């Protein structure tokens, strides 16, 4: 596992780095195919925020991309809560995967591009590029839930068309298919 620890408004000490590596090492034993982990530690400077120690992680695996963010009054407590949340995500992923009984390919790291101005009033401030892997709509819903988004773009394995699954306001899911 390659661990990259970044600090925003905080200096990452060796003790915090080793603590994070020890805690995130537990996750590696559960996932087995962890390739890279990015941990960003931050301190909010706003005095009205009591839980100002923030830990945010992105874990790339051969399967899903796991993301979590936690905050508390102590950085080590934030890391502990973060690891607990990631472990719950791994457990949920494993259970859903066992129920489906299928194996799927992972999604590579999205790359970000700088803001691109657009004609008119709006401006695109973030661009992501990623490979669109073939999967079933059910697998796409699982991936969408794991990354915590409201929609997910994928290539439908049955029709070979690009589709979108999304979460409806009533809690159900929708599927958008091109004509």
C-alpha atoms as a PDB file:
ATOM      1  CA  UNK A   1       0.000   0.000   0.000  1.00  0.00           C
ATOM      2  CA  UNK A   2       1.298   3.417  -0.953  1.00  0.00           C
ATOM      3  CA  UNK A   3       0.208   5.994   1.609  1.00  0.00           C
ATOM      4  CA  UNK A   4       0.419   9.679   0.795  1.00  0.00           C
ATOM      5  CA  UNK A   5      -0.291  12.017   3.716  1.00  0.00           C
ATOM      6  CA  UNK A   6      -0.890  15.693   2.996  1.00  0.00           C
ATOM      7  CA  UNK A   7      -1.464  18.533   5.419  1.00  0.00           C
ATOM      8  CA  UNK A   8      -3.587  21.641   4.913  1.00  0.00           C
ATOM      9  CA  UNK A   9      -3.100  24.316   7.577  1.00  0.00           C
ATOM     10  CA  UNK A  10      -1.259  21.693   9.639  1.00  0.00           C
ATOM     11  CA  UNK A  11       2.226  20.213   9.713  1.00  0.00           C
ATOM     12  CA  UNK A  12       2.132  16.428   9.397  1.00  0.00           C
ATOM     13  CA  UNK A  13       4.442  15.100  12.094  1.00  0.00           C
ATOM     14  CA  UNK A  14       6.125  11.705  11.999  1.00  0.00           C
ATOM     15  CA  UNK A  15       3.976  10.499  14.907  1.00  0.00           C
ATOM     16  CA  UNK A  16       0.733  11.388  13.088  1.00  0.00           C
ATOM     17  CA  UNK A  17       2.054   9.837   9.856  1.00  0.00           C
ATOM     18  CA  UNK A  18       2.976   6.567  11.613  1.00  0.00           C
ATOM     19  CA  UNK A  19      -0.357   6.547  13.504  1.00  0.00           C
ATOM     20  CA  UNK A  20      -2.259   6.957  10.227  1.00  0.00           C
ATOM     21  CA  UNK A  21      -0.182   4.236   8.568  1.00  0.00           C
ATOM     22  CA  UNK A  22      -0.873   1.850  11.452  1.00  0.00           C
ATOM     23  CA  UNK A  23      -4.630   2.537  11.418  1.00  0.00           C
ATOM     24  CA  UNK A  24      -4.986   2.423   7.631  1.00  0.00           C
ATOM     25  CA  UNK A  25      -2.923  -0.778   7.600  1.00  0.00           C
ATOM     26  CA  UNK A  26      -5.965  -2.522   9.139  1.00  0.00           C
ATOM     27  CA  UNK A  27      -7.904  -1.564   6.051  1.00  0.00           C
ATOM     28  CA  UNK A  28      -5.295  -3.129   3.776  1.00  0.00           C
ATOM     29  CA  UNK A  29      -5.767  -6.490   5.518  1.00  0.00           C
ATOM     30  CA  UNK A  30      -9.499  -6.348   4.790  1.00  0.00           C
ATOM     31  CA  UNK A  31      -9.384  -5.154   1.196  1.00  0.00           C
ATOM     32  CA  UNK A  32      -6.244  -7.071   0.064  1.00  0.00           C
ATOM     33  CA  UNK A  33      -6.032  -5.147  -3.211  1.00  0.00           C
ATOM     34  CA  UNK A  34      -5.409  -1.617  -1.948  1.00  0.00           C
ATOM     35  CA  UNK A  35      -3.130   0.108  -4.405  1.00  0.00           C
ATOM     36  CA  UNK A  36      -2.950   3.682  -3.139  1.00  0.00           C
ATOM     37  CA  UNK A  37      -4.275   5.710  -0.211  1.00  0.00           C
ATOM     38  CA  UNK A  38      -4.368   9.509  -0.077  1.00  0.00           C
ATOM     39  CA  UNK A  39      -4.934  11.002   3.367  1.00  0.00           C
ATOM     40  CA  UNK A  40      -5.450  14.732   3.728  1.00  0.00           C
ATOM     41  CA  UNK A  41      -5.290  16.200   7.218  1.00  0.00           C
ATOM     42  CA  UNK A  42      -6.592  19.708   7.780  1.00  0.00           C
ATOM     43  CA  UNK A  43      -7.283  22.152  10.574  1.00  0.00           C
ATOM     44  CA  UNK A  44     -10.142  24.624  10.209  1.00  0.00           C
ATOM     45  CA  UNK A  45      -9.082  28.029  11.465  1.00  0.00           C
ATOM     46  CA  UNK A  46     -12.635  29.184  12.220  1.00  0.00           C
ATOM     47  CA  UNK A  47     -12.945  29.477  16.030  1.00  0.00           C
ATOM     48  CA  UNK A  48     -16.696  28.764  15.934  1.00  0.00           C
ATOM     49  CA  UNK A  49     -16.058  25.216  14.634  1.00  0.00           C
ATOM     50  CA  UNK A  50     -15.350  22.951  17.602  1.00  0.00           C
ATOM     51  CA  UNK A  51     -14.547  19.832  15.527  1.00  0.00           C
ATOM     52  CA  UNK A  52     -11.799  21.525  13.554  1.00  0.00           C
ATOM     53  CA  UNK A  53      -9.407  18.572  13.068  1.00  0.00           C
ATOM     54  CA  UNK A  54     -10.386  17.013   9.706  1.00  0.00           C
ATOM     55  CA  UNK A  55      -9.183  13.767   8.142  1.00  0.00           C
ATOM     56  CA  UNK A  56     -10.214  12.914   4.575  1.00  0.00           C
ATOM     57  CA  UNK A  57      -9.140   9.775   2.702  1.00  0.00           C
ATOM     58  CA  UNK A  58      -9.437   8.340  -0.780  1.00  0.00           C
ATOM     59  CA  UNK A  59      -8.577   4.661  -1.196  1.00  0.00           C
ATOM     60  CA  UNK A  60      -8.025   3.244  -4.670  1.00  0.00           C
ATOM     61  CA  UNK A  61      -8.527  -0.500  -4.979  1.00  0.00           C
ATOM     62  CA  UNK A  62      -8.916  -2.872  -7.896  1.00  0.00           C
ATOM     63  CA  UNK A  63     -12.636  -2.662  -7.184  1.00  0.00           C
ATOM     64  CA  UNK A  64     -14.345   0.470  -5.888  1.00  0.00           C
ATOM     65  CA  UNK A  65     -12.857   3.799  -4.918  1.00  0.00           C
ATOM     66  CA  UNK A  66     -13.545   4.431  -1.239  1.00  0.00           C
ATOM     67  CA  UNK A  67     -13.852   7.951   0.160  1.00  0.00           C
ATOM     68  CA  UNK A  68     -14.513   9.214   3.659  1.00  0.00           C
ATOM     69  CA  UNK A  69     -14.225  12.434   5.650  1.00  0.00           C
ATOM     70  CA  UNK A  70     -14.409  12.844   9.419  1.00  0.00           C
ATOM     71  CA  UNK A  71     -13.788  15.663  11.859  1.00  0.00           C
ATOM     72  CA  UNK A  72     -13.389  15.934  15.611  1.00  0.00           C
ATOM     73  CA  UNK A  73     -11.519  17.949  18.231  1.00  0.00           C
ATOM     74  CA  UNK A  74      -8.424  15.670  17.994  1.00  0.00           C
ATOM     75  CA  UNK A  75      -6.595  14.563  14.823  1.00  0.00           C
ATOM     76  CA  UNK A  76      -6.072  10.981  16.052  1.00  0.00           C
ATOM     77  CA  UNK A  77      -9.772  10.698  16.872  1.00  0.00           C
ATOM     78  CA  UNK A  78     -10.590  11.974  13.368  1.00  0.00           C
ATOM     79  CA  UNK A  79      -8.324   9.309  11.861  1.00  0.00           C
ATOM     80  CA  UNK A  80      -9.957   6.618  14.027  1.00  0.00           C
ATOM     81  CA  UNK A  81     -13.451   7.681  12.929  1.00  0.00           C
ATOM     82  CA  UNK A  82     -12.285   7.822   9.317  1.00  0.00           C
ATOM     83  CA  UNK A  83     -10.917   4.271   9.419  1.00  0.00           C
ATOM     84  CA  UNK A  84     -14.160   3.043  11.038  1.00  0.00           C
ATOM     85  CA  UNK A  85     -16.187   4.626   8.230  1.00  0.00           C
ATOM     86  CA  UNK A  86     -13.945   3.089   5.562  1.00  0.00           C
ATOM     87  CA  UNK A  87     -14.240  -0.331   7.227  1.00  0.00           C
ATOM     88  CA  UNK A  88     -18.044  -0.040   7.111  1.00  0.00           C
ATOM     89  CA  UNK A  89     -17.828   0.817   3.404  1.00  0.00           C
ATOM     90  CA  UNK A  90     -15.649  -2.257   2.777  1.00  0.00           C
ATOM     91  CA  UNK A  91     -18.092  -4.466   4.685  1.00  0.00           C
ATOM     92  CA  UNK A  92     -21.059  -3.076   2.731  1.00  0.00           C
ATOM     93  CA  UNK A  93     -19.199  -3.566  -0.558  1.00  0.00           C
ATOM     94  CA  UNK A  94     -18.309  -7.170   0.306  1.00  0.00           C
ATOM     95  CA  UNK A  95     -21.881  -8.025   1.353  1.00  0.00           C
ATOM     96  CA  UNK A  96     -23.404  -6.567  -1.799  1.00  0.00           C
ATOM     97  CA  UNK A  97     -20.781  -8.245  -3.938  1.00  0.00           C
ATOM     98  CA  UNK A  98     -21.473 -11.631  -2.316  1.00  0.00           C
ATOM     99  CA  UNK A  99     -25.219 -11.180  -2.866  1.00  0.00           C
ATOM    100  CA  UNK A 100     -24.689 -10.389  -6.524  1.00  0.00           C
ATOM    101  CA  UNK A 101     -22.148 -13.183  -6.950  1.00  0.00           C
ATOM    102  CA  UNK A 102     -20.392 -11.296  -9.696  1.00  0.00           C
ATOM    103  CA  UNK A 103     -16.885 -10.027 -10.143  1.00  0.00           C
ATOM    104  CA  UNK A 104     -16.224  -6.741 -11.839  1.00  0.00           C
ATOM    105  CA  UNK A 105     -13.283  -4.633 -12.915  1.00  0.00           C
ATOM    106  CA  UNK A 106     -12.251  -1.540 -10.986  1.00  0.00           C
ATOM    107  CA  UNK A 107     -12.419   2.060 -12.001  1.00  0.00           C
ATOM    108  CA  UNK A 108      -9.196   3.942 -12.429  1.00  0.00           C
ATOM    109  CA  UNK A 109      -8.308   7.201 -10.754  1.00  0.00           C
ATOM    110  CA  UNK A 110     -10.208  10.184 -12.139  1.00  0.00           C
ATOM    111  CA  UNK A 111      -7.985  12.926 -13.477  1.00  0.00           C
ATOM    112  CA  UNK A 112      -8.835  16.552 -12.910  1.00  0.00           C
ATOM    113  CA  UNK A 113      -8.451  19.336 -15.447  1.00  0.00           C
ATOM    114  CA  UNK A 114      -8.314  23.075 -14.763  1.00  0.00           C
ATOM    115  CA  UNK A 115     -11.488  25.197 -15.068  1.00  0.00           C
ATOM    116  CA  UNK A 116     -12.673  25.705 -18.627  1.00  0.00           C
ATOM    117  CA  UNK A 117     -14.615  28.862 -19.453  1.00  0.00           C
ATOM    118  CA  UNK A 118     -17.920  28.301 -21.235  1.00  0.00           C
ATOM    119  CA  UNK A 119     -19.888  30.687 -23.460  1.00  0.00           C
ATOM    120  CA  UNK A 120     -22.546  32.555 -21.474  1.00  0.00           C
ATOM    121  CA  UNK A 121     -22.924  32.967 -17.712  1.00  0.00           C
ATOM    122  CA  UNK A 122     -21.692  29.565 -16.437  1.00  0.00           C
ATOM    123  CA  UNK A 123     -18.167  28.298 -15.991  1.00  0.00           C
ATOM    124  CA  UNK A 124     -17.046  24.723 -15.650  1.00  0.00           C
ATOM    125  CA  UNK A 125     -14.859  24.683 -12.544  1.00  0.00           C
ATOM    126  CA  UNK A 126     -13.915  20.995 -12.450  1.00  0.00           C
ATOM    127  CA  UNK A 127     -13.519  18.297 -15.083  1.00  0.00           C
ATOM    128  CA  UNK A 128     -13.081  14.600 -14.391  1.00  0.00           C
ATOM    129  CA  UNK A 129     -12.019  11.980 -16.886  1.00  0.00           C
ATOM    130  CA  UNK A 130     -12.367   8.268 -16.238  1.00  0.00           C
ATOM    131  CA  UNK A 131     -12.725   5.060 -18.230  1.00  0.00           C
ATOM    132  CA  UNK A 132     -16.321   3.962 -18.695  1.00  0.00           C
ATOM    133  CA  UNK A 133     -16.280   0.260 -17.786  1.00  0.00           C
ATOM    134  CA  UNK A 134     -18.971  -2.193 -18.915  1.00  0.00           C
ATOM    135  CA  UNK A 135     -21.237  -3.244 -16.030  1.00  0.00           C
ATOM    136  CA  UNK A 136     -24.854  -3.962 -15.256  1.00  0.00           C
ATOM    137  CA  UNK A 137     -27.116  -1.211 -13.896  1.00  0.00           C
ATOM    138  CA  UNK A 138     -27.159  -3.002 -10.519  1.00  0.00           C
ATOM    139  CA  UNK A 139     -23.358  -2.918 -10.349  1.00  0.00           C
ATOM    140  CA  UNK A 140     -23.445   0.776 -11.318  1.00  0.00           C
ATOM    141  CA  UNK A 141     -25.840   1.497  -8.430  1.00  0.00           C
ATOM    142  CA  UNK A 142     -23.442  -0.304  -6.067  1.00  0.00           C
ATOM    143  CA  UNK A 143     -20.498   1.739  -7.351  1.00  0.00           C
ATOM    144  CA  UNK A 144     -22.538   4.958  -7.051  1.00  0.00           C
ATOM    145  CA  UNK A 145     -23.359   4.169  -3.415  1.00  0.00           C
ATOM    146  CA  UNK A 146     -19.730   3.367  -2.614  1.00  0.00           C
ATOM    147  CA  UNK A 147     -18.438   6.693  -3.930  1.00  0.00           C
ATOM    148  CA  UNK A 148     -21.330   8.562  -2.312  1.00  0.00           C
ATOM    149  CA  UNK A 149     -22.594  10.390  -5.411  1.00  0.00           C
ATOM    150  CA  UNK A 150     -26.148  11.021  -6.614  1.00  0.00           C
ATOM    151  CA  UNK A 151     -25.449   9.699 -10.125  1.00  0.00           C
ATOM    152  CA  UNK A 152     -23.009   7.407 -11.916  1.00  0.00           C
ATOM    153  CA  UNK A 153     -22.037   7.152 -15.612  1.00  0.00           C
ATOM    154  CA  UNK A 154     -21.254   3.669 -16.956  1.00  0.00           C
ATOM    155  CA  UNK A 155     -21.304   1.518 -20.093  1.00  0.00           C
ATOM    156  CA  UNK A 156     -24.198  -0.941 -20.017  1.00  0.00           C
ATOM    157  CA  UNK A 157     -22.734  -4.441 -20.493  1.00  0.00           C
ATOM    158  CA  UNK A 158     -25.938  -5.661 -22.215  1.00  0.00           C
ATOM    159  CA  UNK A 159     -26.484  -2.827 -24.725  1.00  0.00           C
ATOM    160  CA  UNK A 160     -22.888  -1.450 -24.912  1.00  0.00           C
ATOM    161  CA  UNK A 161     -24.382   2.080 -24.605  1.00  0.00           C
ATOM    162  CA  UNK A 162     -23.348   4.767 -22.127  1.00  0.00           C
ATOM    163  CA  UNK A 163     -26.027   4.987 -19.389  1.00  0.00           C
ATOM    164  CA  UNK A 164     -26.529   6.954 -16.179  1.00  0.00           C
ATOM    165  CA  UNK A 165     -28.012   5.693 -12.920  1.00  0.00           C
ATOM    166  CA  UNK A 166     -29.235   8.249 -10.399  1.00  0.00           C
ATOM    167  CA  UNK A 167     -30.846   8.420  -6.966  1.00  0.00           C
ATOM    168  CA  UNK A 168     -34.413   9.721  -7.031  1.00  0.00           C
ATOM    169  CA  UNK A 169     -35.906  11.937  -4.313  1.00  0.00           C
ATOM    170  CA  UNK A 170     -38.116   9.045  -3.145  1.00  0.00           C
ATOM    171  CA  UNK A 171     -34.994   6.935  -2.447  1.00  0.00           C
ATOM    172  CA  UNK A 172     -35.411   4.692  -5.500  1.00  0.00           C
ATOM    173  CA  UNK A 173     -33.003   4.646  -8.454  1.00  0.00           C
ATOM    174  CA  UNK A 174     -33.444   5.766 -12.035  1.00  0.00           C
ATOM    175  CA  UNK A 175     -31.703   4.699 -15.239  1.00  0.00           C
ATOM    176  CA  UNK A 176     -31.121   7.018 -18.195  1.00  0.00           C
ATOM    177  CA  UNK A 177     -30.591   5.279 -21.542  1.00  0.00           C
ATOM    178  CA  UNK A 178     -29.869   7.065 -24.859  1.00  0.00           C
ATOM    179  CA  UNK A 179     -32.247   6.603 -27.810  1.00  0.00           C
END
